[in-house]
């Protein structure tokens, strides 16, 4: 969990964050690639991974 940072009022114990992580852990490899493609525009991580300055931020917002 060192690579995950919750923000904007959420923490790693927040229900929405736990649900997202649970869902992502259940994805197949092709589904993980599709998710990475959707979030970053690339189906693969760059060599060396994502550096700190390029962290991916996923904001969870409730629909009103």
PDB file of N, CA and C in Angstrom:
ATOM      1  N   UNK A   1       0.802  -1.190   0.000  1.00  0.00           N
ATOM      2  CA  UNK A   1       0.000   0.000   0.000  1.00  0.00           C
ATOM      3  C   UNK A   1       0.852   1.265   0.000  1.00  0.00           C
ATOM      4  N   UNK A   2       2.154   1.128  -0.029  1.00  0.00           N
ATOM      5  CA  UNK A   2       3.019   2.302  -0.047  1.00  0.00           C
ATOM      6  C   UNK A   2       2.872   3.102  -1.333  1.00  0.00           C
ATOM      7  N   UNK A   3       2.380   2.472  -2.385  1.00  0.00           N
ATOM      8  CA  UNK A   3       2.267   3.158  -3.670  1.00  0.00           C
ATOM      9  C   UNK A   3       0.918   3.845  -3.851  1.00  0.00           C
ATOM     10  N   UNK A   4       0.057   3.777  -2.831  1.00  0.00           N
ATOM     11  CA  UNK A   4      -1.278   4.351  -2.931  1.00  0.00           C
ATOM     12  C   UNK A   4      -1.417   5.483  -1.920  1.00  0.00           C
ATOM     13  N   UNK A   5      -1.936   6.606  -2.399  1.00  0.00           N
ATOM     14  CA  UNK A   5      -2.170   7.750  -1.516  1.00  0.00           C
ATOM     15  C   UNK A   5      -3.605   8.217  -1.713  1.00  0.00           C
ATOM     16  N   UNK A   6      -4.384   8.163  -0.667  1.00  0.00           N
ATOM     17  CA  UNK A   6      -5.753   8.679  -0.721  1.00  0.00           C
ATOM     18  C   UNK A   6      -5.723  10.144  -0.308  1.00  0.00           C
ATOM     19  N   UNK A   7      -6.582  10.954  -0.924  1.00  0.00           N
ATOM     20  CA  UNK A   7      -6.580  12.384  -0.650  1.00  0.00           C
ATOM     21  C   UNK A   7      -7.996  12.925  -0.802  1.00  0.00           C
ATOM     22  N   UNK A   8      -8.165  14.211  -0.701  1.00  0.00           N
ATOM     23  CA  UNK A   8      -9.455  14.891  -0.867  1.00  0.00           C
ATOM     24  C   UNK A   8     -10.505  14.355   0.102  1.00  0.00           C
ATOM     25  N   UNK A   9     -10.090  14.143   1.354  1.00  0.00           N
ATOM     26  CA  UNK A   9     -11.027  13.676   2.375  1.00  0.00           C
ATOM     27  C   UNK A   9     -11.152  12.170   2.473  1.00  0.00           C
ATOM     28  N   UNK A  10     -10.452  11.442   1.614  1.00  0.00           N
ATOM     29  CA  UNK A  10     -10.474   9.981   1.658  1.00  0.00           C
ATOM     30  C   UNK A  10      -9.195   9.474   2.300  1.00  0.00           C
ATOM     31  N   UNK A  11      -9.245   8.269   2.855  1.00  0.00           N
ATOM     32  CA  UNK A  11      -8.051   7.594   3.346  1.00  0.00           C
ATOM     33  C   UNK A  11      -8.152   6.138   2.915  1.00  0.00           C
ATOM     34  N   UNK A  12      -7.135   5.359   3.199  1.00  0.00           N
ATOM     35  CA  UNK A  12      -7.114   3.963   2.735  1.00  0.00           C
ATOM     36  C   UNK A  12      -8.200   3.108   3.378  1.00  0.00           C
ATOM     37  N   UNK A  13      -8.807   3.603   4.456  1.00  0.00           N
ATOM     38  CA  UNK A  13      -9.900   2.876   5.097  1.00  0.00           C
ATOM     39  C   UNK A  13     -11.272   3.320   4.608  1.00  0.00           C
ATOM     40  N   UNK A  14     -11.325   4.326   3.738  1.00  0.00           N
ATOM     41  CA  UNK A  14     -12.602   4.802   3.206  1.00  0.00           C
ATOM     42  C   UNK A  14     -13.244   3.706   2.361  1.00  0.00           C
ATOM     43  N   UNK A  15     -14.567   3.589   2.489  1.00  0.00           N
ATOM     44  CA  UNK A  15     -15.300   2.543   1.768  1.00  0.00           C
ATOM     45  C   UNK A  15     -15.075   2.628   0.259  1.00  0.00           C
ATOM     46  N   UNK A  16     -15.124   3.839  -0.299  1.00  0.00           N
ATOM     47  CA  UNK A  16     -14.943   3.992  -1.748  1.00  0.00           C
ATOM     48  C   UNK A  16     -13.550   3.558  -2.199  1.00  0.00           C
ATOM     49  N   UNK A  17     -12.536   3.891  -1.421  1.00  0.00           N
ATOM     50  CA  UNK A  17     -11.169   3.507  -1.768  1.00  0.00           C
ATOM     51  C   UNK A  17     -11.025   1.988  -1.668  1.00  0.00           C
ATOM     52  N   UNK A  18     -11.545   1.403  -0.601  1.00  0.00           N
ATOM     53  CA  UNK A  18     -11.471  -0.061  -0.453  1.00  0.00           C
ATOM     54  C   UNK A  18     -12.194  -0.762  -1.595  1.00  0.00           C
ATOM     55  N   UNK A  19     -13.369  -0.247  -1.990  1.00  0.00           N
ATOM     56  CA  UNK A  19     -14.110  -0.854  -3.101  1.00  0.00           C
ATOM     57  C   UNK A  19     -13.332  -0.763  -4.407  1.00  0.00           C
ATOM     58  N   UNK A  20     -12.714   0.389  -4.666  1.00  0.00           N
ATOM     59  CA  UNK A  20     -11.910   0.551  -5.881  1.00  0.00           C
ATOM     60  C   UNK A  20     -10.751  -0.434  -5.894  1.00  0.00           C
ATOM     61  N   UNK A  21     -10.027  -0.524  -4.775  1.00  0.00           N
ATOM     62  CA  UNK A  21      -8.874  -1.425  -4.712  1.00  0.00           C
ATOM     63  C   UNK A  21      -9.311  -2.885  -4.826  1.00  0.00           C
ATOM     64  N   UNK A  22     -10.434  -3.237  -4.209  1.00  0.00           N
ATOM     65  CA  UNK A  22     -10.951  -4.608  -4.311  1.00  0.00           C
ATOM     66  C   UNK A  22     -11.289  -4.934  -5.758  1.00  0.00           C
ATOM     67  N   UNK A  23     -11.985  -4.009  -6.419  1.00  0.00           N
ATOM     68  CA  UNK A  23     -12.364  -4.227  -7.818  1.00  0.00           C
ATOM     69  C   UNK A  23     -11.128  -4.347  -8.705  1.00  0.00           C
ATOM     70  N   UNK A  24     -10.162  -3.460  -8.502  1.00  0.00           N
ATOM     71  CA  UNK A  24      -8.949  -3.502  -9.319  1.00  0.00           C
ATOM     72  C   UNK A  24      -8.164  -4.797  -9.082  1.00  0.00           C
ATOM     73  N   UNK A  25      -8.179  -5.311  -7.855  1.00  0.00           N
ATOM     74  CA  UNK A  25      -7.441  -6.548  -7.565  1.00  0.00           C
ATOM     75  C   UNK A  25      -8.079  -7.758  -8.232  1.00  0.00           C
ATOM     76  N   UNK A  26      -9.354  -7.650  -8.599  1.00  0.00           N
ATOM     77  CA  UNK A  26     -10.066  -8.752  -9.239  1.00  0.00           C
ATOM     78  C   UNK A  26      -9.994  -8.709 -10.761  1.00  0.00           C
ATOM     79  N   UNK A  27      -9.394  -7.657 -11.323  1.00  0.00           N
ATOM     80  CA  UNK A  27      -9.296  -7.529 -12.777  1.00  0.00           C
ATOM     81  C   UNK A  27      -8.314  -8.544 -13.345  1.00  0.00           C
ATOM     82  N   UNK A  28      -8.645  -9.062 -14.501  1.00  0.00           N
ATOM     83  CA  UNK A  28      -7.720  -9.935 -15.222  1.00  0.00           C
ATOM     84  C   UNK A  28      -6.606  -9.071 -15.804  1.00  0.00           C
ATOM     85  N   UNK A  29      -5.534  -9.687 -16.284  1.00  0.00           N
ATOM     86  CA  UNK A  29      -4.427  -8.933 -16.874  1.00  0.00           C
ATOM     87  C   UNK A  29      -4.894  -8.064 -18.052  1.00  0.00           C
ATOM     88  N   UNK A  30      -5.702  -8.596 -18.977  1.00  0.00           N
ATOM     89  CA  UNK A  30      -6.181  -7.730 -20.068  1.00  0.00           C
ATOM     90  C   UNK A  30      -7.038  -6.561 -19.549  1.00  0.00           C
ATOM     91  N   UNK A  31      -7.830  -6.794 -18.517  1.00  0.00           N
ATOM     92  CA  UNK A  31      -8.644  -5.717 -17.947  1.00  0.00           C
ATOM     93  C   UNK A  31      -7.765  -4.675 -17.262  1.00  0.00           C
ATOM     94  N   UNK A  32      -6.682  -5.121 -16.622  1.00  0.00           N
ATOM     95  CA  UNK A  32      -5.747  -4.173 -16.004  1.00  0.00           C
ATOM     96  C   UNK A  32      -5.086  -3.305 -17.063  1.00  0.00           C
ATOM     97  N   UNK A  33      -4.726  -3.913 -18.181  1.00  0.00           N
ATOM     98  CA  UNK A  33      -4.145  -3.140 -19.285  1.00  0.00           C
ATOM     99  C   UNK A  33      -5.145  -2.121 -19.820  1.00  0.00           C
ATOM    100  N   UNK A  34      -6.404  -2.553 -19.961  1.00  0.00           N
ATOM    101  CA  UNK A  34      -7.438  -1.636 -20.444  1.00  0.00           C
ATOM    102  C   UNK A  34      -7.624  -0.469 -19.471  1.00  0.00           C
ATOM    103  N   UNK A  35      -7.602  -0.752 -18.172  1.00  0.00           N
ATOM    104  CA  UNK A  35      -7.747   0.304 -17.170  1.00  0.00           C
ATOM    105  C   UNK A  35      -6.560   1.261 -17.244  1.00  0.00           C
ATOM    106  N   UNK A  36      -5.361   0.709 -17.335  1.00  0.00           N
ATOM    107  CA  UNK A  36      -4.167   1.546 -17.437  1.00  0.00           C
ATOM    108  C   UNK A  36      -4.212   2.391 -18.706  1.00  0.00           C
ATOM    109  N   UNK A  37      -4.679   1.812 -19.798  1.00  0.00           N
ATOM    110  CA  UNK A  37      -4.837   2.554 -21.052  1.00  0.00           C
ATOM    111  C   UNK A  37      -5.819   3.700 -20.863  1.00  0.00           C
ATOM    112  N   UNK A  38      -6.925   3.445 -20.185  1.00  0.00           N
ATOM    113  CA  UNK A  38      -7.941   4.466 -19.954  1.00  0.00           C
ATOM    114  C   UNK A  38      -7.395   5.614 -19.101  1.00  0.00           C
ATOM    115  N   UNK A  39      -6.643   5.265 -18.050  1.00  0.00           N
ATOM    116  CA  UNK A  39      -6.158   6.278 -17.109  1.00  0.00           C
ATOM    117  C   UNK A  39      -4.959   7.056 -17.648  1.00  0.00           C
ATOM    118  N   UNK A  40      -4.036   6.358 -18.322  1.00  0.00           N
ATOM    119  CA  UNK A  40      -2.781   6.995 -18.720  1.00  0.00           C
ATOM    120  C   UNK A  40      -2.648   7.238 -20.220  1.00  0.00           C
ATOM    121  N   UNK A  41      -3.435   6.542 -21.022  1.00  0.00           N
ATOM    122  CA  UNK A  41      -3.275   6.643 -22.465  1.00  0.00           C
ATOM    123  C   UNK A  41      -2.275   5.635 -23.005  1.00  0.00           C
ATOM    124  N   UNK A  42      -1.736   4.774 -22.128  1.00  0.00           N
ATOM    125  CA  UNK A  42      -0.771   3.756 -22.534  1.00  0.00           C
ATOM    126  C   UNK A  42      -1.116   2.434 -21.844  1.00  0.00           C
ATOM    127  N   UNK A  43      -1.059   1.300 -22.569  1.00  0.00           N
ATOM    128  CA  UNK A  43      -1.403   0.022 -21.956  1.00  0.00           C
ATOM    129  C   UNK A  43      -0.285  -0.559 -21.084  1.00  0.00           C
ATOM    130  N   UNK A  44       0.873   0.085 -21.086  1.00  0.00           N
ATOM    131  CA  UNK A  44       2.005  -0.425 -20.307  1.00  0.00           C
ATOM    132  C   UNK A  44       2.630   0.712 -19.515  1.00  0.00           C
ATOM    133  N   UNK A  45       3.208   0.368 -18.368  1.00  0.00           N
ATOM    134  CA  UNK A  45       3.943   1.350 -17.588  1.00  0.00           C
ATOM    135  C   UNK A  45       5.277   1.629 -18.256  1.00  0.00           C
ATOM    136  N   UNK A  46       5.809   2.832 -18.111  1.00  0.00           N
ATOM    137  CA  UNK A  46       7.134   3.105 -18.665  1.00  0.00           C
ATOM    138  C   UNK A  46       8.201   2.309 -17.925  1.00  0.00           C
ATOM    139  N   UNK A  47       9.334   2.107 -18.560  1.00  0.00           N
ATOM    140  CA  UNK A  47      10.447   1.409 -17.907  1.00  0.00           C
ATOM    141  C   UNK A  47      10.785   2.155 -16.624  1.00  0.00           C
ATOM    142  N   UNK A  48      10.871   1.443 -15.534  1.00  0.00           N
ATOM    143  CA  UNK A  48      11.135   2.069 -14.241  1.00  0.00           C
ATOM    144  C   UNK A  48       9.875   2.443 -13.494  1.00  0.00           C
ATOM    145  N   UNK A  49       8.701   2.265 -14.118  1.00  0.00           N
ATOM    146  CA  UNK A  49       7.446   2.572 -13.457  1.00  0.00           C
ATOM    147  C   UNK A  49       7.084   4.041 -13.548  1.00  0.00           C
ATOM    148  N   UNK A  50       6.058   4.396 -12.828  1.00  0.00           N
ATOM    149  CA  UNK A  50       5.604   5.779 -12.803  1.00  0.00           C
ATOM    150  C   UNK A  50       6.394   6.505 -11.722  1.00  0.00           C
ATOM    151  N   UNK A  51       7.074   7.563 -12.106  1.00  0.00           N
ATOM    152  CA  UNK A  51       7.875   8.304 -11.137  1.00  0.00           C
ATOM    153  C   UNK A  51       6.969   9.186 -10.284  1.00  0.00           C
ATOM    154  N   UNK A  52       7.482   9.612  -9.158  1.00  0.00           N
ATOM    155  CA  UNK A  52       6.685  10.374  -8.201  1.00  0.00           C
ATOM    156  C   UNK A  52       6.001  11.579  -8.826  1.00  0.00           C
ATOM    157  N   UNK A  53       6.676  12.290  -9.690  1.00  0.00           N
ATOM    158  CA  UNK A  53       6.094  13.503 -10.274  1.00  0.00           C
ATOM    159  C   UNK A  53       4.975  13.197 -11.257  1.00  0.00           C
ATOM    160  N   UNK A  54       4.820  11.951 -11.625  1.00  0.00           N
ATOM    161  CA  UNK A  54       3.776  11.582 -12.583  1.00  0.00           C
ATOM    162  C   UNK A  54       2.778  10.606 -11.972  1.00  0.00           C
ATOM    163  N   UNK A  55       2.523  10.728 -10.673  1.00  0.00           N
ATOM    164  CA  UNK A  55       1.575   9.839 -10.027  1.00  0.00           C
ATOM    165  C   UNK A  55       0.192   9.974 -10.644  1.00  0.00           C
ATOM    166  N   UNK A  56      -0.525   8.892 -10.673  1.00  0.00           N
ATOM    167  CA  UNK A  56      -1.882   8.888 -11.195  1.00  0.00           C
ATOM    168  C   UNK A  56      -2.822   9.243 -10.051  1.00  0.00           C
ATOM    169  N   UNK A  57      -3.715  10.147 -10.304  1.00  0.00           N
ATOM    170  CA  UNK A  57      -4.702  10.552  -9.305  1.00  0.00           C
ATOM    171  C   UNK A  57      -6.077  10.149  -9.797  1.00  0.00           C
ATOM    172  N   UNK A  58      -6.794   9.423  -8.972  1.00  0.00           N
ATOM    173  CA  UNK A  58      -8.159   9.038  -9.305  1.00  0.00           C
ATOM    174  C   UNK A  58      -9.065   9.678  -8.266  1.00  0.00           C
ATOM    175  N   UNK A  59      -9.905  10.593  -8.693  1.00  0.00           N
ATOM    176  CA  UNK A  59     -10.835  11.250  -7.787  1.00  0.00           C
ATOM    177  C   UNK A  59     -12.160  10.511  -7.800  1.00  0.00           C
ATOM    178  N   UNK A  60     -12.643  10.188  -6.629  1.00  0.00           N
ATOM    179  CA  UNK A  60     -13.923   9.522  -6.485  1.00  0.00           C
ATOM    180  C   UNK A  60     -14.936  10.593  -6.049  1.00  0.00           C
ATOM    181  N   UNK A  61     -15.942  10.784  -6.846  1.00  0.00           N
ATOM    182  CA  UNK A  61     -16.958  11.786  -6.518  1.00  0.00           C
ATOM    183  C   UNK A  61     -18.324  11.152  -6.534  1.00  0.00           C
ATOM    184  N   UNK A  62     -19.153  11.586  -5.624  1.00  0.00           N
ATOM    185  CA  UNK A  62     -20.510  11.081  -5.573  1.00  0.00           C
ATOM    186  C   UNK A  62     -21.377  11.853  -6.554  1.00  0.00           C
ATOM    187  N   UNK A  63     -22.271  11.134  -7.224  1.00  0.00           N
ATOM    188  CA  UNK A  63     -23.207  11.779  -8.129  1.00  0.00           C
ATOM    189  C   UNK A  63     -24.325  12.404  -7.310  1.00  0.00           C
ATOM    190  N   UNK A  64     -24.740  13.565  -7.731  1.00  0.00           N
ATOM    191  CA  UNK A  64     -25.829  14.239  -6.989  1.00  0.00           C
ATOM    192  C   UNK A  64     -27.030  14.374  -7.870  1.00  0.00           C
TER     193      UNK A  64
END
